[in-house]
Amino acid sequence: MSATQQEFKPTLSLLDATMIVAGSMIGSGIFIVSADITRNVGSAGWLLFVWLITGFMTLTAALSYGELSAMFPKAGGQYVYLKEAFNKLAGFLYGWSFFTVIQTATIAAVGVAFSKFTGYFIPALDIKDENILFQLGIFKLYPAQLVSIAVIALLTYINTRGIQGGKIIQTIFTITKLVSLFGLIVFGLLLAAKADVWNANWENAWQMSKIQEGGMIAGIAGSAVLGAIAASMTGSIFSSDAWNNVTFIAGEIKNPKRNIGLSLFLGTLIVTIIYIAANIMYISVLPLNGGEQSIAFAKQDRVAVAAANEIFGSIGMYVIAVMIMISTFGCINGLVLSGARVYYTMAQDGLFFKQAGTLNENAVPQWALWAQCVWASLLCLSGQYGDLLDMISFVVVLFYVLTIIGIFVLRAKRPDIERPYKAFAYPVLPIIYIILGLTFCFFLIIMKPVYAGIGLGIVVLGIPVYYIAVANQKKTV
């Protein structure tokens, strides 16, 4: 059978799909980003509020996406939903942004996080000037970047061999990291929680302030409160993103009309509970402010390492390093596995490289997988993965909002299409998400205009690329 005659094989169960949701969400963020959130909001109450509002938005979006996934249970996910609700241009702009920054930059960032924490065991992988392999101007090449690329390439290769290998890795690593995170939370609350630390952290729980270098505190009031929340949420949204990856592989899930929506709900609920519980543990174990054993100023923002040192003593950092290596490895696998299906569907519509629209003898989009690998590897080399956080968060939420607006559009435009599942609490929850998402994007542009602006620029740049692709498609017809 030729590659072009191959079709996706529905082999993934509800458990597999749920593990893809949870495994793609949990990378390195929950171990790190609470430091930056704390510096931006300055109190225990607001720290938890940022995680709660992010969890609420994630669950709301996941419950809303259930309707779309049941209507269009095929590969491509969000790209398909936007195309069906609006037009091919809207779908392409998502696919373009997905390839250029959303998926590939996330793969790169998580890949570098894997290498950084491997550096606890192999010091040569620390990103320090003494470990530079090559430098040309501002470009610096570190061994950690090469290890990141090697991990991405390895997981790409495994996924070209068929869905089974990727599925097994995803399930094993996701269950392992869920159990590990749960264990860390329980040990933290049982062995290291301190009443005096907890009470001190909650003394001024709702007094928002910015914690500056040296521990100086500057009060925040008025409209600046919303700006501080938006700036803080870039980390929590990045940590909670990629939950929608399961929709990209709909063609490989058994009973997709039921199982995609259910896996979205179960996966996001599990991760949201764990994230909030982890931050309660941090607040129980570490002071908000005051040196490297605090949440705000943990060394290199590694809050989980600081907490683990309190729980397990000197071996704590190694415990967390292993946990993050497991977590990021599984996360990369989920991102690699699912992302290529979007490029495949775009290619089928004539909006991506033609070769990406074929499946190999193992019924997977091999060319698309390797194209994703190459671009993610280049982003690893760029050294700009840290700066991409604001950009990714802005673009991701912008398209989530647009997709949920698509539910309203499709209800009006295609009322007769079968809807085995309908968006929960429609229209109230979807409207709340749209308001919260647009508010986040608005204040992020105000607070962090450079990277949010670059993110918007990447989306807009896709418009001429789309018309070039359409023109080329007409020439070949």
Protein backbone atom coordinates (compact mmCIF):
# COMPACT_ATOMS: atom_id res chain seq x y z
CA MET A 1 0.00 0.00 0.00
CA SER A 2 1.41 3.43 -0.89
CA ALA A 3 1.95 6.15 1.67
CA THR A 4 -0.82 8.32 0.23
CA GLN A 5 -3.36 5.48 0.56
CA GLN A 6 -2.68 4.99 4.26
CA GLU A 7 -5.27 6.16 6.78
CA PHE A 8 -5.02 6.91 10.49
CA LYS A 9 -5.82 3.91 12.67
CA PRO A 10 -8.10 4.46 15.71
CA THR A 11 -6.08 2.64 18.38
CA LEU A 12 -6.05 5.08 21.34
CA SER A 13 -8.36 4.41 24.30
CA LEU A 14 -9.91 6.93 26.72
CA LEU A 15 -6.98 6.33 29.11
CA ASP A 16 -4.46 6.96 26.32
CA ALA A 17 -6.24 10.17 25.32
CA THR A 18 -6.42 11.39 28.93
CA MET A 19 -2.71 10.70 29.38
CA ILE A 20 -1.99 12.76 26.25
CA VAL A 21 -3.99 15.68 27.71
CA ALA A 22 -2.34 15.53 31.14
CA GLY A 23 1.11 14.57 29.87
CA SER A 24 1.23 17.38 27.32
CA MET A 25 0.21 19.93 29.97
CA ILE A 26 2.72 19.00 32.68
CA GLY A 27 6.23 19.97 31.67
CA SER A 28 8.58 22.04 33.81
CA GLY A 29 6.33 25.04 34.48
CA ILE A 30 4.74 23.94 37.75
CA PHE A 31 8.22 23.48 39.22
CA ILE A 32 9.37 26.99 38.28
CA VAL A 33 6.84 29.69 37.33
CA SER A 34 5.34 30.28 40.79
CA ALA A 35 8.47 32.34 41.56
CA ASP A 36 7.71 34.89 38.84
CA ILE A 37 3.99 34.91 39.73
CA THR A 38 4.85 35.64 43.37
CA ARG A 39 7.16 38.51 42.40
CA ASN A 40 4.34 40.02 40.33
CA VAL A 41 1.50 39.71 42.87
CA GLY A 42 3.36 39.48 46.18
CA SER A 43 0.92 37.46 48.31
CA ALA A 44 -0.30 33.93 48.95
CA GLY A 45 -3.92 34.75 48.14
CA TRP A 46 -3.13 36.28 44.77
CA LEU A 47 -0.66 33.50 43.93
CA LEU A 48 -3.40 30.91 44.36
CA PHE A 49 -5.91 33.16 42.60
CA VAL A 50 -3.71 33.26 39.48
CA TRP A 51 -3.57 29.46 39.42
CA LEU A 52 -7.30 29.16 40.16
CA ILE A 53 -8.33 31.57 37.38
CA THR A 54 -5.98 29.79 34.98
CA GLY A 55 -7.47 26.43 36.00
CA PHE A 56 -10.99 27.79 35.59
CA MET A 57 -10.17 29.12 32.12
CA THR A 58 -8.53 25.84 31.10
CA LEU A 59 -11.47 23.73 32.30
CA THR A 60 -13.98 26.10 30.71
CA ALA A 61 -12.18 25.98 27.36
CA ALA A 62 -11.83 22.19 27.55
CA LEU A 63 -15.55 21.74 28.27
CA SER A 64 -16.39 24.08 25.38
CA TYR A 65 -14.03 22.25 23.00
CA GLY A 66 -15.94 19.05 23.74
CA GLU A 67 -18.74 20.27 21.48
CA LEU A 68 -16.36 21.03 18.62
CA SER A 69 -14.48 17.74 18.96
CA ALA A 70 -17.74 15.79 18.81
CA MET A 71 -18.86 17.73 15.71
CA PHE A 72 -15.55 17.28 13.85
CA PRO A 73 -13.91 14.07 15.15
CA LYS A 74 -10.96 14.09 12.74
CA ALA A 75 -7.27 14.95 12.71
CA GLY A 76 -6.36 18.63 12.92
CA GLY A 77 -8.37 19.74 15.94
CA GLN A 78 -8.36 23.49 16.43
CA TYR A 79 -7.25 24.13 12.83
CA VAL A 80 -10.37 22.29 11.62
CA TYR A 81 -12.68 24.06 14.10
CA LEU A 82 -11.52 27.51 13.01
CA LYS A 83 -11.73 26.61 9.33
CA GLU A 84 -15.28 25.27 9.72
CA ALA A 85 -16.49 28.17 11.89
CA PHE A 86 -14.92 31.00 9.90
CA ASN A 87 -12.91 30.22 6.78
CA LYS A 88 -9.66 28.66 5.54
CA LEU A 89 -7.71 31.84 6.34
CA ALA A 90 -8.64 31.65 10.05
CA GLY A 91 -7.63 27.98 10.14
CA PHE A 92 -4.38 28.70 8.32
CA LEU A 93 -3.41 31.55 10.66
CA TYR A 94 -3.75 29.15 13.56
CA GLY A 95 -1.78 26.44 11.76
CA TRP A 96 0.89 28.96 10.76
CA SER A 97 1.21 30.25 14.34
CA PHE A 98 1.12 26.68 15.62
CA PHE A 99 4.10 25.66 13.47
CA THR A 100 6.15 28.84 13.83
CA VAL A 101 5.80 29.39 17.56
CA ILE A 102 3.02 27.68 19.56
CA GLN A 103 3.95 24.01 19.28
CA THR A 104 7.57 24.11 18.14
CA ALA A 105 8.67 26.80 20.60
CA THR A 106 6.99 24.88 23.41
CA ILE A 107 8.82 21.71 22.34
CA ALA A 108 12.09 23.68 22.32
CA ALA A 109 11.46 25.29 25.73
CA VAL A 110 10.55 21.96 27.36
CA GLY A 111 13.52 20.29 25.65
CA VAL A 112 15.93 22.85 27.09
CA ALA A 113 14.32 22.42 30.52
CA PHE A 114 15.04 18.67 30.28
CA SER A 115 18.71 19.39 29.55
CA LYS A 116 19.02 22.02 32.28
CA PHE A 117 17.85 19.62 34.97
CA THR A 118 19.96 16.82 33.56
CA GLY A 119 22.76 19.26 34.41
CA TYR A 120 22.29 18.39 38.09
CA PHE A 121 23.86 15.02 37.28
CA ILE A 122 26.10 16.09 34.38
CA PRO A 123 27.59 19.54 35.20
CA ALA A 124 28.73 20.02 31.59
CA LEU A 125 25.05 20.49 30.68
CA ASP A 126 24.70 23.59 32.85
CA ILE A 127 24.15 26.63 30.64
CA LYS A 128 27.19 28.54 31.87
CA ASP A 129 29.86 30.45 29.96
CA GLU A 130 32.52 27.89 30.88
CA ASN A 131 30.50 25.22 29.07
CA ILE A 132 30.21 27.05 25.73
CA LEU A 133 31.16 24.80 22.80
CA PHE A 134 31.10 27.49 20.13
CA GLN A 135 30.46 31.22 19.93
CA LEU A 136 29.94 33.51 16.96
CA GLY A 137 28.94 37.04 17.91
CA ILE A 138 25.91 36.82 20.20
CA PHE A 139 25.26 33.21 19.19
CA LYS A 140 26.39 30.70 21.81
CA LEU A 141 26.19 26.93 21.52
CA TYR A 142 25.94 24.90 24.72
CA PRO A 143 26.01 21.10 25.18
CA ALA A 144 22.53 21.41 26.76
CA GLN A 145 21.10 22.63 23.46
CA LEU A 146 22.54 19.64 21.62
CA VAL A 147 21.06 17.26 24.21
CA SER A 148 17.67 19.00 23.80
CA ILE A 149 17.84 18.48 20.05
CA ALA A 150 18.88 14.84 20.52
CA VAL A 151 15.88 14.17 22.79
CA ILE A 152 13.47 15.84 20.34
CA ALA A 153 14.98 13.85 17.44
CA LEU A 154 14.80 10.58 19.40
CA LEU A 155 11.12 11.05 20.26
CA THR A 156 10.39 12.12 16.69
CA TYR A 157 12.01 8.93 15.39
CA ILE A 158 10.05 6.76 17.85
CA ASN A 159 6.81 8.41 16.72
CA THR A 160 7.63 7.79 13.03
CA ARG A 161 7.58 4.06 13.85
CA GLY A 162 3.85 4.20 14.60
CA ILE A 163 1.40 5.47 17.19
CA GLN A 164 1.96 2.51 19.54
CA GLY A 165 5.47 3.53 20.62
CA GLY A 166 4.44 7.10 21.34
CA LYS A 167 1.33 5.90 23.18
CA ILE A 168 3.33 3.60 25.48
CA ILE A 169 5.87 6.33 26.32
CA GLN A 170 3.09 8.82 26.97
CA THR A 171 1.10 6.58 29.30
CA ILE A 172 4.12 5.35 31.31
CA PHE A 173 5.72 8.77 31.73
CA THR A 174 2.46 10.59 32.48
CA ILE A 175 1.39 8.12 35.17
CA THR A 176 4.91 8.29 36.65
CA LYS A 177 4.93 12.08 36.84
CA LEU A 178 1.37 12.28 38.21
CA VAL A 179 2.29 9.85 41.00
CA SER A 180 5.60 11.70 41.62
CA LEU A 181 3.91 15.10 41.83
CA PHE A 182 1.23 13.73 44.12
CA GLY A 183 3.94 12.19 46.30
CA LEU A 184 5.88 15.47 46.47
CA ILE A 185 2.74 17.32 47.55
CA VAL A 186 1.85 14.76 50.22
CA PHE A 187 5.41 14.57 51.61
CA GLY A 188 5.62 18.35 51.62
CA LEU A 189 2.39 18.79 53.55
CA LEU A 190 3.15 15.95 55.98
CA LEU A 191 6.91 16.37 56.57
CA ALA A 192 7.87 19.98 55.90
CA ALA A 193 4.80 22.19 56.40
CA LYS A 194 5.41 24.85 59.06
CA ALA A 195 2.57 26.65 60.86
CA ASP A 196 4.64 29.83 61.30
CA VAL A 197 5.51 29.95 57.58
CA TRP A 198 1.87 29.30 56.58
CA ASN A 199 0.54 31.98 58.96
CA ALA A 200 3.12 34.54 57.84
CA ASN A 201 2.34 33.90 54.18
CA TRP A 202 -1.38 34.49 54.80
CA GLU A 203 -0.93 37.58 56.98
CA ASN A 204 -1.66 39.99 54.13
CA ALA A 205 -3.07 37.46 51.70
CA TRP A 206 -4.98 39.92 49.50
CA GLN A 207 -2.64 42.90 49.60
CA MET A 208 -1.16 42.88 46.11
CA SER A 209 2.40 44.12 45.69
CA LYS A 210 5.41 43.70 43.45
CA ILE A 211 8.42 42.07 45.12
CA GLN A 212 11.58 43.59 43.67
CA GLU A 213 15.22 42.49 43.77
CA GLY A 214 16.54 42.59 47.32
CA GLY A 215 13.06 41.92 48.71
CA MET A 216 11.79 45.50 48.33
CA ILE A 217 7.99 45.66 48.09
CA ALA A 218 5.98 48.11 45.97
CA GLY A 219 2.21 48.27 46.40
CA ILE A 220 -0.15 47.70 43.47
CA ALA A 221 -3.60 49.28 43.24
CA GLY A 222 -6.30 50.31 40.77
CA SER A 223 -6.11 49.14 37.16
CA ALA A 224 -2.52 47.99 37.77
CA VAL A 225 -4.00 44.99 39.60
CA LEU A 226 -5.38 43.57 36.35
CA GLY A 227 -2.07 44.22 34.60
CA ALA A 228 -0.16 42.39 37.34
CA ILE A 229 -2.54 39.41 37.09
CA ALA A 230 -2.15 39.29 33.30
CA ALA A 231 1.65 39.45 33.55
CA SER A 232 1.60 36.69 36.19
CA MET A 233 -0.66 34.46 34.13
CA THR A 234 1.84 34.11 31.29
CA GLY A 235 3.61 31.49 33.41
CA SER A 236 0.51 29.65 34.64
CA ILE A 237 -1.07 29.62 31.16
CA PHE A 238 2.15 28.30 29.61
CA SER A 239 2.23 25.60 32.30
CA SER A 240 -1.41 24.68 31.63
CA ASP A 241 -1.29 24.83 27.85
CA ALA A 242 -1.26 22.00 25.29
CA TRP A 243 -4.40 20.41 26.79
CA ASN A 244 -6.00 20.68 23.33
CA ASN A 245 -3.31 18.49 21.72
CA VAL A 246 -5.59 15.46 21.97
CA THR A 247 -7.96 17.06 19.44
CA PHE A 248 -5.21 16.97 16.81
CA ILE A 249 -5.12 13.16 16.85
CA ALA A 250 -8.89 12.59 16.73
CA GLY A 251 -8.52 10.22 13.78
CA GLU A 252 -6.52 7.82 15.98
CA ILE A 253 -8.85 7.75 18.99
CA LYS A 254 -11.50 5.08 19.50
CA ASN A 255 -15.05 6.49 19.68
CA PRO A 256 -13.75 10.08 19.28
CA LYS A 257 -17.17 11.73 19.61
CA ARG A 258 -17.29 10.55 23.23
CA ASN A 259 -13.68 10.05 24.26
CA ILE A 260 -12.11 13.33 23.11
CA GLY A 261 -14.48 15.52 25.14
CA LEU A 262 -14.23 13.21 28.15
CA SER A 263 -10.42 13.06 28.01
CA LEU A 264 -10.28 16.87 27.78
CA PHE A 265 -12.35 17.19 30.94
CA LEU A 266 -10.57 14.46 32.91
CA GLY A 267 -7.06 15.49 31.89
CA THR A 268 -7.49 19.21 32.60
CA LEU A 269 -9.29 18.52 35.89
CA ILE A 270 -6.50 16.22 37.14
CA VAL A 271 -3.76 18.69 36.23
CA THR A 272 -5.63 21.72 37.64
CA ILE A 273 -6.10 19.98 41.01
CA ILE A 274 -2.43 18.95 41.13
CA TYR A 275 -1.22 22.46 40.20
CA ILE A 276 -3.29 24.15 42.90
CA ALA A 277 -2.28 21.53 45.48
CA ALA A 278 1.40 21.99 44.57
CA ASN A 279 1.15 25.74 45.22
CA ILE A 280 -0.61 25.16 48.55
CA MET A 281 2.35 22.93 49.43
CA TYR A 282 4.85 25.63 48.38
CA ILE A 283 3.04 28.17 50.60
CA SER A 284 3.11 25.69 53.51
CA VAL A 285 6.83 24.99 53.22
CA LEU A 286 8.50 28.18 51.97
CA PRO A 287 8.20 31.87 52.88
CA LEU A 288 7.03 34.11 50.05
CA ASN A 289 10.02 36.44 50.29
CA GLY A 290 13.53 36.16 51.70
CA GLY A 291 16.49 34.55 49.98
CA GLU A 292 17.01 31.43 47.90
CA GLN A 293 14.79 29.34 50.17
CA SER A 294 11.73 31.48 49.38
CA ILE A 295 9.12 31.21 46.65
CA ALA A 296 9.85 34.59 45.06
CA PHE A 297 13.63 34.25 44.94
CA ALA A 298 14.32 30.54 44.73
CA LYS A 299 17.62 29.99 42.93
CA GLN A 300 17.01 30.25 39.17
CA ASP A 301 13.26 30.32 40.02
CA ARG A 302 13.38 26.59 40.89
CA VAL A 303 10.70 26.73 43.59
CA ALA A 304 10.21 22.96 43.64
CA VAL A 305 13.93 22.45 44.31
CA ALA A 306 13.78 24.85 47.26
CA ALA A 307 10.70 23.02 48.59
CA ALA A 308 12.32 19.60 48.07
CA ASN A 309 15.39 20.73 50.01
CA GLU A 310 13.09 21.45 52.95
CA ILE A 311 11.36 18.08 52.54
CA PHE A 312 14.23 15.73 51.72
CA GLY A 313 17.33 17.71 52.73
CA SER A 314 20.39 17.88 50.47
CA ILE A 315 19.12 15.18 48.10
CA GLY A 316 16.00 17.25 47.40
CA MET A 317 17.41 18.90 44.31
CA TYR A 318 18.23 15.51 42.79
CA VAL A 319 14.70 14.25 43.53
CA ILE A 320 13.21 17.23 41.68
CA ALA A 321 15.75 16.95 38.85
CA VAL A 322 14.65 13.35 38.20
CA MET A 323 10.97 14.36 38.41
CA ILE A 324 11.44 17.17 35.91
CA MET A 325 13.43 14.96 33.55
CA ILE A 326 10.57 12.43 33.60
CA SER A 327 7.97 15.17 33.29
CA THR A 328 9.61 17.01 30.40
CA PHE A 329 10.46 13.84 28.49
CA GLY A 330 6.82 12.76 28.56
CA CYS A 331 5.65 16.28 27.73
CA ILE A 332 7.89 16.50 24.66
CA ASN A 333 6.58 13.15 23.47
CA GLY A 334 2.97 14.31 23.71
CA LEU A 335 3.74 17.54 21.86
CA VAL A 336 5.72 15.76 19.12
CA LEU A 337 3.10 13.04 18.66
CA SER A 338 0.13 15.37 18.31
CA GLY A 339 1.55 18.44 16.58
CA ALA A 340 2.41 16.78 13.27
CA ARG A 341 -1.26 15.87 12.71
CA VAL A 342 -2.11 19.57 12.29
CA TYR A 343 0.45 20.01 9.51
CA TYR A 344 -0.85 16.81 7.90
CA THR A 345 -4.41 18.17 7.78
CA MET A 346 -3.22 21.56 6.51
CA ALA A 347 -1.27 19.83 3.73
CA GLN A 348 -4.39 17.86 2.81
CA ASP A 349 -6.09 21.25 2.27
CA GLY A 350 -3.16 22.49 0.17
CA LEU A 351 -2.01 24.94 2.86
CA PHE A 352 1.27 23.30 3.92
CA PHE A 353 4.08 21.44 2.20
CA LYS A 354 2.56 18.68 0.08
CA GLN A 355 4.84 15.98 1.58
CA ALA A 356 3.37 16.68 5.03
CA GLY A 357 0.01 15.39 3.80
CA THR A 358 1.16 11.78 3.41
CA LEU A 359 1.37 8.91 5.89
CA ASN A 360 4.17 6.37 5.95
CA GLU A 361 3.79 2.59 6.12
CA ASN A 362 3.19 2.92 9.88
CA ALA A 363 0.17 5.20 9.27
CA VAL A 364 1.82 8.30 10.75
CA PRO A 365 2.79 11.63 9.07
CA GLN A 366 6.55 11.03 9.02
CA TRP A 367 7.52 14.04 6.88
CA ALA A 368 5.46 16.38 9.08
CA LEU A 369 7.08 14.91 12.20
CA TRP A 370 10.58 15.57 10.90
CA ALA A 371 9.68 19.10 9.68
CA GLN A 372 8.44 19.89 13.19
CA CYS A 373 11.64 18.40 14.64
CA VAL A 374 13.88 20.57 12.45
CA TRP A 375 12.12 23.83 13.31
CA ALA A 376 11.94 23.04 17.04
CA SER A 377 15.67 22.22 16.95
CA LEU A 378 16.45 25.59 15.37
CA LEU A 379 14.48 27.29 18.13
CA CYS A 380 16.57 25.33 20.66
CA LEU A 381 19.69 26.82 19.05
CA SER A 382 18.25 30.34 18.99
CA GLY A 383 18.66 30.72 22.75
CA GLN A 384 15.46 32.76 22.84
CA TYR A 385 13.17 30.11 24.33
CA GLY A 386 12.83 31.99 27.63
CA ASP A 387 11.63 35.15 25.87
CA LEU A 388 9.04 33.14 23.93
CA LEU A 389 6.88 32.61 27.03
CA ASP A 390 4.91 35.87 26.72
CA MET A 391 4.63 35.43 22.96
CA ILE A 392 3.30 31.87 23.21
CA SER A 393 0.80 32.74 25.95
CA PHE A 394 -0.61 35.71 24.02
CA VAL A 395 -1.03 33.82 20.74
CA VAL A 396 -2.43 30.70 22.41
CA VAL A 397 -5.14 32.56 24.35
CA LEU A 398 -6.01 34.69 21.32
CA PHE A 399 -6.78 31.56 19.28
CA TYR A 400 -8.60 29.87 22.17
CA VAL A 401 -10.90 32.89 22.34
CA LEU A 402 -11.46 32.86 18.59
CA THR A 403 -12.20 29.12 18.63
CA ILE A 404 -14.77 29.45 21.42
CA ILE A 405 -16.41 32.33 19.51
CA GLY A 406 -16.58 29.73 16.72
CA ILE A 407 -19.03 27.69 18.84
CA PHE A 408 -21.52 30.58 18.67
CA VAL A 409 -20.87 31.00 14.94
CA LEU A 410 -21.44 27.31 14.21
CA ARG A 411 -24.63 27.23 16.29
CA ALA A 412 -26.00 29.95 14.00
CA LYS A 413 -24.42 28.85 10.72
CA ARG A 414 -24.82 25.07 11.00
CA PRO A 415 -27.67 24.41 13.46
CA ASP A 416 -28.53 21.02 11.95
CA ILE A 417 -25.11 19.39 12.32
CA GLU A 418 -25.00 16.53 14.83
CA ARG A 419 -23.83 17.60 18.30
CA PRO A 420 -23.40 14.46 20.46
CA TYR A 421 -22.05 16.70 23.21
CA LYS A 422 -22.82 20.38 23.81
CA ALA A 423 -20.65 22.97 25.53
CA PHE A 424 -21.24 22.88 29.28
CA ALA A 425 -23.31 25.80 30.67
CA TYR A 426 -23.58 27.37 27.21
CA PRO A 427 -23.62 30.32 26.65
CA VAL A 428 -22.56 31.52 30.12
CA LEU A 429 -19.21 29.73 30.56
CA PRO A 430 -18.01 30.29 26.96
CA ILE A 431 -18.85 34.02 27.28
CA ILE A 432 -16.96 34.23 30.59
CA TYR A 433 -13.94 32.59 28.94
CA ILE A 434 -14.06 35.03 26.01
CA ILE A 435 -14.17 38.02 28.39
CA LEU A 436 -11.34 36.67 30.56
CA GLY A 437 -9.22 35.74 27.51
CA LEU A 438 -9.60 39.11 25.81
CA THR A 439 -8.86 40.89 29.12
CA PHE A 440 -5.69 38.82 29.51
CA CYS A 441 -4.53 39.61 25.94
CA PHE A 442 -5.30 43.34 26.34
CA PHE A 443 -3.35 43.75 29.56
CA LEU A 444 -0.50 41.55 28.36
CA ILE A 445 0.02 43.88 25.40
CA ILE A 446 0.12 46.82 27.84
CA MET A 447 2.40 45.13 30.38
CA LYS A 448 4.70 43.26 27.98
CA PRO A 449 4.26 44.94 24.59
CA VAL A 450 7.45 43.68 22.93
CA TYR A 451 6.87 39.93 23.00
CA ALA A 452 3.06 40.08 22.90
CA GLY A 453 3.46 42.42 19.90
CA ILE A 454 5.89 40.02 18.21
CA GLY A 455 3.38 37.21 18.79
CA LEU A 456 0.62 39.25 17.14
CA GLY A 457 3.04 40.16 14.33
CA ILE A 458 3.71 36.46 13.64
CA VAL A 459 -0.04 35.86 13.30
CA VAL A 460 -0.47 38.83 10.92
CA LEU A 461 2.56 37.74 8.88
CA GLY A 462 0.63 34.57 8.12
CA ILE A 463 -1.89 36.53 6.00
CA PRO A 464 0.41 37.11 2.97
CA VAL A 465 1.82 33.59 3.42
CA TYR A 466 -1.74 32.24 3.13
CA TYR A 467 -2.43 34.05 -0.15
CA ILE A 468 0.90 32.86 -1.57
CA ALA A 469 -0.05 29.28 -0.62
CA VAL A 470 -3.49 29.67 -2.23
CA ALA A 471 -1.95 31.10 -5.42
CA ASN A 472 0.52 28.19 -5.63
CA GLN A 473 -2.30 25.74 -5.05
CA LYS A 474 -4.25 27.19 -8.00
CA LYS A 475 -1.20 26.90 -10.26
CA THR A 476 -0.86 23.19 -9.52
CA VAL A 477 -4.53 22.39 -10.10
